[in-house]
Amino acid sequence: MYGRSWVRGRLGTVQTIFRELRQGGRGWILLGVAGGWLLSMGVRIIFPAMLPLFREAFDLTLTTAGLLISVLWYAYALGQFPGGVLGDRLGARIVLTASTLVSTVTIFLVALAWDYRILFAATALFGFATALYGTTRFTVLTDVYSKRDGTAVSLTMAAGDVGNTLLPPLAVGIASWFSWRAGMGFTAPLFLCMGLFLWYAIPSGSLRASDGDGTSATDGGDAATADGSSPSLRYVLSSILLGPVLIATAIQFLGFFAWQGFTSFFVTYLIETKGFSTGAASTLFGFFFFLGLLVRPLSGLSHDTLGPRRTLMGILTLITIGLSALSFVEGFIPLVVLTVLLSSLLGFTPTTQTFIANALPTEIKGSGLGLLRTGHLLFGATSATIVGFVADIGYFDRAFLLLAGATGVAAVLSLFLPKLD
């Protein structure tokens, strides 16, 4: 009887959470934002999955291949601050829809590239286009949800993991049957459809969280300062250099450095060092992101119940252990088990980004978060080039130990993360 009561209680809690997420038409907003992120994130992860095919088609070294991934994320980083500013001034509807529609065009350019220079340029354009989505998806959800923002952000990121799980193996499969161009190009129509859905799902105007009645509200203004002017860069910088935001940002910098280096070369590492086939490596890569469907929501629930400090301490410790062990584990089954542990890499961002968004002043939430995301993405993007270079000189294993060092420092920093009022 006790067991059944416990199960009914847990089911009731889940039903309550989803009812709160859907109230006042917010469910369509969450669905649209999550669907757009599924494509934005999933297609970017196609690039490292296709890296062996890019190397063959364009005769790239490991260092140059790593640079291609860095270019993608450099462009994505540089678009974060403009995306945040545009989100504050134009609203989520315009920015998210525009990002998705421009991505439609740029991914076509990637698929049509006939020279490595065209490939690099088109990849940069695609990265910048998806960057406009990156910041605004956080701010729109923290604006719409006053009590379930951590859960909403985590569910959206879990949707990204659905894209990361399905799209790279699907792209590799299409590429094996047809060509790498088809493996990239099939996603363009999906972007187009999602752009139209976002336009109809998100109301015009600014969004703000409910006042307790479970509904969201809209107004016609933009999220600028009280007198209607845009906040100055000096004000933005002074706000984000506060202690709580600075510590959380440092954790995000180091964690993303490890995430970027790992995801950029995990497939290539499995093929060249562990003896996997391309299909097996991409499948395990997809499994890694599939686990995010569990890791992301658990991270969000942990953030909402246990708080960011304890959540990050646990996650970052698991990441450090997994990255340290990767070089010493052999065999398919042991590597599958280790991949489960490494999936903790997918759990730190919901906590850090939600913490930062809540700690920033309302009037600069978009631009402040955008500036910080530009910083951590630029820093993290160097990881792919560094890992590629270390691999080229014969120390592929040690590259992952370097990433473990970064997450170890982040774990220590999490001990100093303050509690927000």
Protein backbone atom coordinates (compact mmCIF):
# COMPACT_ATOMS: atom_id res chain seq x y z
CA MET A 1 0.00 0.00 0.00
CA TYR A 2 2.78 2.38 0.89
CA GLY A 3 4.49 1.72 -2.42
CA ARG A 4 1.33 2.45 -4.38
CA SER A 5 0.70 5.64 -2.41
CA TRP A 6 4.26 6.78 -3.08
CA VAL A 7 3.87 6.14 -6.81
CA ARG A 8 0.54 7.97 -6.91
CA GLY A 9 2.09 10.87 -5.04
CA ARG A 10 4.99 11.11 -7.47
CA LEU A 11 2.66 10.89 -10.48
CA GLY A 12 0.53 13.60 -8.95
CA THR A 13 3.60 15.81 -8.57
CA VAL A 14 4.59 15.27 -12.20
CA GLN A 15 1.03 16.05 -13.34
CA THR A 16 1.05 19.23 -11.28
CA ILE A 17 4.36 20.33 -12.81
CA PHE A 18 3.17 19.78 -16.37
CA ARG A 19 -0.15 21.50 -15.64
CA GLU A 20 1.74 24.55 -14.38
CA LEU A 21 3.97 24.50 -17.45
CA ARG A 22 0.93 24.48 -19.78
CA GLN A 23 -1.23 27.06 -18.04
CA GLY A 24 -2.15 30.31 -19.78
CA GLY A 25 -0.98 29.18 -23.20
CA ARG A 26 2.61 28.87 -22.03
CA GLY A 27 2.75 25.26 -23.19
CA TRP A 28 2.84 26.34 -26.84
CA ILE A 29 5.65 28.76 -26.10
CA LEU A 30 7.63 26.04 -24.34
CA LEU A 31 6.96 23.60 -27.19
CA GLY A 32 8.07 26.10 -29.82
CA VAL A 33 11.21 27.17 -27.98
CA ALA A 34 12.12 23.53 -27.29
CA GLY A 35 11.50 22.49 -30.91
CA GLY A 36 13.65 25.30 -32.24
CA TRP A 37 16.42 24.38 -29.82
CA LEU A 38 16.16 20.74 -30.89
CA LEU A 39 17.15 21.80 -34.40
CA SER A 40 19.58 24.58 -33.47
CA MET A 41 21.57 22.34 -31.15
CA GLY A 42 21.11 19.05 -32.98
CA VAL A 43 22.36 20.34 -36.32
CA ARG A 44 25.43 21.90 -34.71
CA ILE A 45 26.27 18.50 -33.25
CA ILE A 46 26.01 17.00 -36.75
CA PHE A 47 29.28 18.79 -37.55
CA PRO A 48 31.54 16.75 -35.19
CA ALA A 49 29.69 13.56 -36.18
CA MET A 50 30.45 14.31 -39.84
CA LEU A 51 34.04 15.36 -39.13
CA PRO A 52 35.59 12.14 -40.54
CA LEU A 53 33.61 12.70 -43.77
CA PHE A 54 34.66 16.35 -43.92
CA ARG A 55 38.28 15.30 -43.46
CA GLU A 56 37.97 12.88 -46.37
CA ALA A 57 36.08 15.26 -48.68
CA PHE A 58 38.32 18.29 -48.07
CA ASP A 59 41.59 16.59 -47.03
CA LEU A 60 41.67 18.16 -43.55
CA THR A 61 44.17 17.39 -40.77
CA LEU A 62 42.94 16.84 -37.22
CA THR A 63 44.04 20.36 -36.32
CA THR A 64 42.19 21.89 -39.27
CA ALA A 65 39.13 19.76 -38.55
CA GLY A 66 39.22 21.01 -34.96
CA LEU A 67 39.49 24.56 -36.28
CA LEU A 68 36.29 24.04 -38.31
CA ILE A 69 34.43 23.15 -35.13
CA SER A 70 36.03 26.11 -33.37
CA VAL A 71 34.89 28.43 -36.19
CA LEU A 72 31.33 27.15 -35.78
CA TRP A 73 31.38 27.91 -32.06
CA TYR A 74 33.33 31.16 -32.40
CA ALA A 75 30.58 32.47 -34.69
CA TYR A 76 27.96 31.10 -32.31
CA ALA A 77 29.71 32.90 -29.45
CA LEU A 78 29.96 36.23 -31.27
CA GLY A 79 26.23 36.21 -31.97
CA GLN A 80 25.18 35.78 -28.33
CA PHE A 81 25.46 39.42 -27.23
CA PRO A 82 23.76 40.83 -30.37
CA GLY A 83 21.09 38.16 -29.95
CA GLY A 84 20.51 39.21 -26.34
CA VAL A 85 20.33 42.89 -27.23
CA LEU A 86 17.90 42.20 -30.07
CA GLY A 87 15.83 40.04 -27.74
CA ASP A 88 15.59 42.90 -25.23
CA ARG A 89 14.60 45.41 -27.91
CA LEU A 90 12.58 43.45 -30.49
CA GLY A 91 11.12 40.66 -28.40
CA ALA A 92 11.46 36.89 -28.42
CA ARG A 93 9.04 36.25 -31.27
CA ILE A 94 11.00 38.18 -33.89
CA VAL A 95 14.46 37.06 -32.76
CA LEU A 96 13.71 33.33 -32.41
CA THR A 97 11.81 33.18 -35.69
CA ALA A 98 14.47 35.14 -37.57
CA SER A 99 17.23 32.92 -36.21
CA THR A 100 15.46 29.79 -37.38
CA LEU A 101 14.66 31.11 -40.86
CA VAL A 102 18.19 32.42 -41.45
CA SER A 103 19.51 29.02 -40.34
CA THR A 104 17.45 27.50 -43.17
CA VAL A 105 19.46 29.46 -45.73
CA THR A 106 22.88 29.03 -44.14
CA ILE A 107 22.65 25.25 -43.74
CA PHE A 108 21.89 25.07 -47.48
CA LEU A 109 25.12 26.98 -48.06
CA VAL A 110 27.03 24.46 -45.94
CA ALA A 111 25.57 21.57 -47.94
CA LEU A 112 26.54 23.25 -51.23
CA ALA A 113 30.16 24.03 -50.25
CA TRP A 114 32.60 22.94 -52.98
CA ASP A 115 35.81 24.17 -51.35
CA TYR A 116 37.08 24.06 -47.77
CA ARG A 117 37.09 27.87 -47.64
CA ILE A 118 33.42 27.94 -48.60
CA LEU A 119 32.77 25.26 -46.00
CA PHE A 120 34.43 27.36 -43.29
CA ALA A 121 32.59 30.54 -44.30
CA ALA A 122 29.18 28.85 -44.52
CA THR A 123 29.78 27.13 -41.19
CA ALA A 124 30.53 30.50 -39.59
CA LEU A 125 27.33 32.00 -41.01
CA PHE A 126 25.31 29.07 -39.70
CA GLY A 127 26.88 29.40 -36.26
CA PHE A 128 26.03 33.11 -36.11
CA ALA A 129 22.45 32.48 -37.25
CA THR A 130 21.82 29.91 -34.52
CA ALA A 131 23.48 32.21 -31.96
CA LEU A 132 20.54 34.59 -32.16
CA TYR A 133 18.47 31.76 -30.70
CA GLY A 134 20.84 30.85 -27.90
CA THR A 135 20.37 33.71 -25.44
CA THR A 136 16.72 34.54 -26.06
CA ARG A 137 15.53 30.99 -25.37
CA PHE A 138 16.77 31.39 -21.78
CA THR A 139 15.31 34.84 -21.20
CA VAL A 140 11.90 34.05 -22.69
CA LEU A 141 11.50 31.01 -20.42
CA THR A 142 12.67 32.78 -17.25
CA ASP A 143 10.29 35.63 -18.14
CA VAL A 144 7.31 33.34 -18.75
CA TYR A 145 7.85 30.99 -15.79
CA SER A 146 8.21 32.46 -12.32
CA LYS A 147 8.35 29.21 -10.33
CA ARG A 148 9.30 26.50 -12.81
CA ASP A 149 12.01 28.27 -14.75
CA GLY A 150 14.68 25.69 -13.92
CA THR A 151 12.40 22.87 -15.04
CA ALA A 152 11.34 24.71 -18.22
CA VAL A 153 14.95 25.47 -19.17
CA SER A 154 15.97 21.87 -18.48
CA LEU A 155 13.12 20.47 -20.59
CA THR A 156 14.14 22.74 -23.45
CA MET A 157 17.74 21.58 -23.18
CA ALA A 158 16.50 17.99 -23.04
CA ALA A 159 14.76 18.68 -26.35
CA GLY A 160 18.17 19.73 -27.66
CA ASP A 161 19.45 16.35 -26.56
CA VAL A 162 16.69 14.69 -28.59
CA GLY A 163 18.11 16.51 -31.60
CA ASN A 164 21.64 15.56 -30.60
CA THR A 165 20.56 11.93 -30.26
CA LEU A 166 18.61 11.60 -33.50
CA LEU A 167 20.07 14.03 -35.99
CA PRO A 168 23.81 13.10 -36.06
CA PRO A 169 23.27 9.33 -36.61
CA LEU A 170 20.53 10.15 -39.12
CA ALA A 171 22.82 12.57 -40.95
CA VAL A 172 25.64 10.01 -41.04
CA GLY A 173 23.20 7.37 -42.30
CA ILE A 174 21.92 9.63 -45.08
CA ALA A 175 25.52 10.54 -45.95
CA SER A 176 26.44 6.85 -46.24
CA TRP A 177 23.55 6.22 -48.64
CA PHE A 178 23.86 9.41 -50.67
CA SER A 179 26.53 12.00 -49.76
CA TRP A 180 27.60 14.23 -46.91
CA ARG A 181 25.78 17.09 -48.68
CA ALA A 182 22.46 15.28 -48.31
CA GLY A 183 23.37 14.47 -44.72
CA MET A 184 23.63 18.19 -43.96
CA GLY A 185 20.98 19.57 -46.32
CA PHE A 186 18.00 17.51 -45.14
CA THR A 187 17.73 19.70 -42.04
CA ALA A 188 17.01 22.94 -43.96
CA PRO A 189 13.27 22.23 -44.54
CA LEU A 190 12.96 21.34 -40.84
CA PHE A 191 14.30 24.78 -39.89
CA LEU A 192 11.79 26.42 -42.24
CA CYS A 193 8.81 24.62 -40.69
CA MET A 194 9.98 25.39 -37.16
CA GLY A 195 10.38 29.08 -37.96
CA LEU A 196 6.73 29.27 -39.01
CA PHE A 197 5.63 27.43 -35.86
CA LEU A 198 7.57 29.81 -33.62
CA TRP A 199 5.96 32.83 -35.25
CA TYR A 200 2.50 31.55 -34.36
CA ALA A 201 3.37 30.06 -30.95
CA ILE A 202 4.98 33.12 -29.35
CA PRO A 203 2.83 36.23 -28.73
CA SER A 204 4.05 39.59 -29.99
CA GLY A 205 5.52 41.99 -27.45
CA SER A 206 7.53 41.29 -24.32
CA LEU A 207 6.74 38.46 -21.92
CA ARG A 208 6.84 38.54 -18.15
CA ALA A 209 6.32 35.86 -15.55
CA SER A 210 2.94 35.29 -13.93
CA ASP A 211 1.91 37.12 -10.75
CA GLY A 212 0.73 33.92 -9.17
CA ASP A 213 -2.41 33.07 -11.14
CA GLY A 214 -0.57 30.65 -13.40
CA THR A 215 -0.95 32.73 -16.54
CA SER A 216 1.61 34.64 -18.52
CA ALA A 217 1.21 38.25 -19.50
CA THR A 218 2.38 40.28 -22.42
CA ASP A 219 2.94 43.94 -22.96
CA GLY A 220 4.03 46.03 -25.85
CA GLY A 221 7.22 47.45 -24.43
CA ASP A 222 10.75 46.21 -24.65
CA ALA A 223 12.99 45.18 -21.78
CA ALA A 224 15.01 48.34 -21.65
CA THR A 225 15.64 50.72 -18.79
CA ALA A 226 12.83 52.52 -16.99
CA ASP A 227 13.04 55.61 -19.21
CA GLY A 228 12.83 53.51 -22.38
CA SER A 229 16.51 53.78 -23.31
CA SER A 230 18.84 50.85 -23.85
CA PRO A 231 21.16 50.00 -20.94
CA SER A 232 24.78 51.06 -21.49
CA LEU A 233 27.55 48.54 -21.95
CA ARG A 234 29.21 49.94 -18.81
CA TYR A 235 26.08 49.21 -16.78
CA VAL A 236 25.87 45.70 -18.22
CA LEU A 237 29.52 45.02 -17.38
CA SER A 238 29.20 46.37 -13.83
CA SER A 239 26.18 44.13 -13.24
CA ILE A 240 27.75 40.91 -14.52
CA LEU A 241 31.00 41.40 -12.60
CA LEU A 242 29.19 40.92 -9.29
CA GLY A 243 30.36 38.03 -7.11
CA PRO A 244 27.50 35.53 -7.64
CA VAL A 245 27.36 36.02 -11.41
CA LEU A 246 31.15 35.98 -11.72
CA ILE A 247 31.55 32.64 -9.92
CA ALA A 248 28.75 30.99 -11.89
CA THR A 249 30.25 32.35 -15.11
CA ALA A 250 33.70 30.94 -14.27
CA ILE A 251 32.11 27.53 -13.71
CA GLN A 252 30.31 27.83 -17.04
CA PHE A 253 33.56 28.82 -18.80
CA LEU A 254 35.44 25.78 -17.55
CA GLY A 255 32.55 23.35 -17.94
CA PHE A 256 31.84 24.41 -21.49
CA PHE A 257 35.54 24.18 -22.37
CA ALA A 258 35.36 20.51 -21.38
CA TRP A 259 32.00 19.95 -23.10
CA GLN A 260 33.22 21.47 -26.36
CA GLY A 261 36.47 19.53 -26.46
CA PHE A 262 34.74 16.25 -25.64
CA THR A 263 31.83 16.55 -28.09
CA SER A 264 34.05 17.84 -30.90
CA PHE A 265 36.32 14.79 -30.92
CA PHE A 266 34.54 11.93 -29.16
CA VAL A 267 33.52 10.31 -32.46
CA THR A 268 36.94 10.80 -34.05
CA TYR A 269 38.65 9.57 -30.84
CA LEU A 270 36.58 6.39 -30.80
CA ILE A 271 37.41 5.70 -34.45
CA GLU A 272 41.14 6.47 -34.38
CA THR A 273 42.07 5.36 -30.86
CA LYS A 274 39.50 2.78 -29.74
CA GLY A 275 39.01 1.09 -33.13
CA PHE A 276 35.29 1.83 -33.57
CA SER A 277 33.60 2.00 -36.97
CA THR A 278 32.05 5.33 -38.01
CA GLY A 279 28.55 3.92 -37.48
CA ALA A 280 29.32 2.53 -34.03
CA ALA A 281 31.05 5.72 -32.93
CA SER A 282 28.18 7.95 -34.10
CA THR A 283 25.66 5.64 -32.42
CA LEU A 284 27.51 5.87 -29.09
CA PHE A 285 27.69 9.64 -29.61
CA GLY A 286 23.92 9.68 -30.07
CA PHE A 287 23.52 7.54 -26.95
CA PHE A 288 25.52 10.14 -25.01
CA PHE A 289 22.99 12.82 -25.93
CA PHE A 290 20.05 10.46 -25.47
CA LEU A 291 21.03 10.25 -21.82
CA GLY A 292 20.48 14.00 -21.65
CA LEU A 293 16.74 13.28 -21.74
CA LEU A 294 17.23 12.01 -18.19
CA VAL A 295 20.17 14.14 -17.07
CA ARG A 296 18.75 17.56 -18.05
CA PRO A 297 15.38 17.25 -16.26
CA LEU A 298 17.05 15.74 -13.19
CA SER A 299 19.48 18.64 -13.16
CA GLY A 300 16.62 21.13 -13.39
CA LEU A 301 14.65 19.44 -10.61
CA SER A 302 17.80 19.30 -8.47
CA HIS A 303 18.35 23.03 -9.09
CA ASP A 304 14.78 23.82 -8.03
CA THR A 305 14.90 21.61 -4.91
CA LEU A 306 18.50 21.23 -3.70
CA GLY A 307 19.86 24.49 -5.04
CA PRO A 308 22.63 25.28 -7.55
CA ARG A 309 25.61 24.73 -5.24
CA ARG A 310 24.97 21.10 -4.35
CA THR A 311 23.74 20.33 -7.87
CA LEU A 312 26.92 21.62 -9.49
CA MET A 313 29.23 19.99 -6.95
CA GLY A 314 27.78 16.56 -7.71
CA ILE A 315 27.62 16.96 -11.49
CA LEU A 316 31.12 18.39 -11.93
CA THR A 317 32.67 15.70 -9.74
CA LEU A 318 31.12 12.96 -11.89
CA ILE A 319 32.33 14.70 -15.07
CA THR A 320 35.90 14.91 -13.77
CA ILE A 321 35.94 11.21 -12.89
CA GLY A 322 34.55 10.22 -16.30
CA LEU A 323 36.98 12.31 -18.36
CA SER A 324 39.93 11.08 -16.29
CA ALA A 325 38.95 7.44 -16.89
CA LEU A 326 38.30 7.71 -20.65
CA SER A 327 41.92 7.14 -21.67
CA PHE A 328 42.15 3.92 -19.64
CA VAL A 329 38.88 2.20 -20.58
CA GLU A 330 38.83 -0.28 -23.47
CA GLY A 331 36.06 -2.34 -25.05
CA PHE A 332 32.57 -1.50 -26.28
CA ILE A 333 30.58 -2.37 -23.15
CA PRO A 334 32.95 -0.59 -20.71
CA LEU A 335 32.86 2.50 -22.95
CA VAL A 336 29.07 2.41 -23.01
CA VAL A 337 29.09 2.36 -19.20
CA LEU A 338 31.60 5.21 -19.11
CA THR A 339 29.44 7.18 -21.56
CA VAL A 340 26.63 7.01 -19.01
CA LEU A 341 28.93 8.68 -16.48
CA LEU A 342 30.16 11.22 -19.05
CA SER A 343 26.56 12.23 -19.80
CA SER A 344 26.87 14.34 -16.64
CA LEU A 345 28.48 16.86 -19.01
CA LEU A 346 24.94 17.62 -20.16
CA GLY A 347 23.74 18.59 -16.69
CA PHE A 348 25.70 21.63 -15.54
CA THR A 349 24.48 24.24 -18.03
CA PRO A 350 20.79 24.29 -16.95
CA THR A 351 21.92 25.18 -13.44
CA THR A 352 24.57 27.77 -14.30
CA GLN A 353 22.49 29.54 -16.97
CA THR A 354 19.33 29.64 -14.84
CA PHE A 355 21.36 30.93 -11.87
CA ILE A 356 22.93 33.68 -13.98
CA ALA A 357 19.63 34.70 -15.62
CA ASN A 358 17.96 35.02 -12.20
CA ALA A 359 20.91 36.94 -10.70
CA LEU A 360 20.99 39.59 -13.43
CA PRO A 361 18.86 42.78 -13.24
CA THR A 362 15.64 42.43 -15.25
CA GLU A 363 16.40 45.30 -17.62
CA ILE A 364 19.66 43.69 -18.84
CA LYS A 365 18.76 40.04 -18.54
CA GLY A 366 19.02 39.45 -22.29
CA SER A 367 22.06 41.61 -23.03
CA GLY A 368 23.87 40.60 -19.84
CA LEU A 369 23.34 36.89 -20.39
CA GLY A 370 24.21 37.34 -24.06
CA LEU A 371 27.52 39.02 -23.21
CA LEU A 372 28.42 36.29 -20.73
CA ARG A 373 27.47 33.58 -23.21
CA THR A 374 29.67 35.23 -25.83
CA GLY A 375 32.56 35.05 -23.39
CA HIS A 376 32.16 31.42 -22.33
CA LEU A 377 31.47 30.24 -25.87
CA LEU A 378 34.55 32.01 -27.24
CA PHE A 379 36.65 30.48 -24.49
CA GLY A 380 35.13 27.05 -24.97
CA ALA A 381 35.49 27.15 -28.74
CA THR A 382 39.27 27.15 -28.40
CA SER A 383 38.98 23.68 -26.88
CA ALA A 384 38.32 21.95 -30.22
CA THR A 385 41.43 23.44 -31.80
CA ILE A 386 43.54 22.60 -28.75
CA VAL A 387 42.31 18.99 -28.62
CA GLY A 388 42.87 18.62 -32.37
CA PHE A 389 46.41 19.95 -32.09
CA VAL A 390 47.26 17.71 -29.12
CA ALA A 391 45.84 14.74 -31.04
CA ASP A 392 47.90 15.63 -34.13
CA ILE A 393 51.15 15.49 -32.13
CA GLY A 394 50.26 12.05 -30.79
CA TYR A 395 48.69 12.72 -27.39
CA PHE A 396 44.97 12.19 -28.00
CA ASP A 397 44.52 10.53 -24.59
CA ARG A 398 46.14 13.39 -22.70
CA ALA A 399 43.79 15.90 -24.31
CA PHE A 400 40.90 14.42 -22.31
CA LEU A 401 42.94 14.58 -19.11
CA LEU A 402 43.32 18.31 -19.79
CA LEU A 403 39.53 18.59 -20.02
CA ALA A 404 39.21 16.70 -16.72
CA GLY A 405 41.48 19.29 -15.10
CA ALA A 406 39.15 22.08 -16.22
CA THR A 407 36.06 20.44 -14.70
CA GLY A 408 37.98 19.66 -11.52
CA VAL A 409 38.68 23.36 -11.02
CA ALA A 410 35.01 24.13 -11.76
CA ALA A 411 33.96 21.62 -9.09
CA VAL A 412 36.08 23.45 -6.51
CA LEU A 413 34.61 26.81 -7.57
CA SER A 414 31.09 25.48 -7.07
CA LEU A 415 31.81 25.32 -3.32
CA PHE A 416 31.90 29.14 -3.30
CA LEU A 417 28.64 29.65 -5.21
CA PRO A 418 26.38 31.82 -3.00
CA LYS A 419 22.68 31.30 -2.42
CA LEU A 420 20.41 33.83 -4.13
CA ASP A 421 17.63 35.48 -2.10
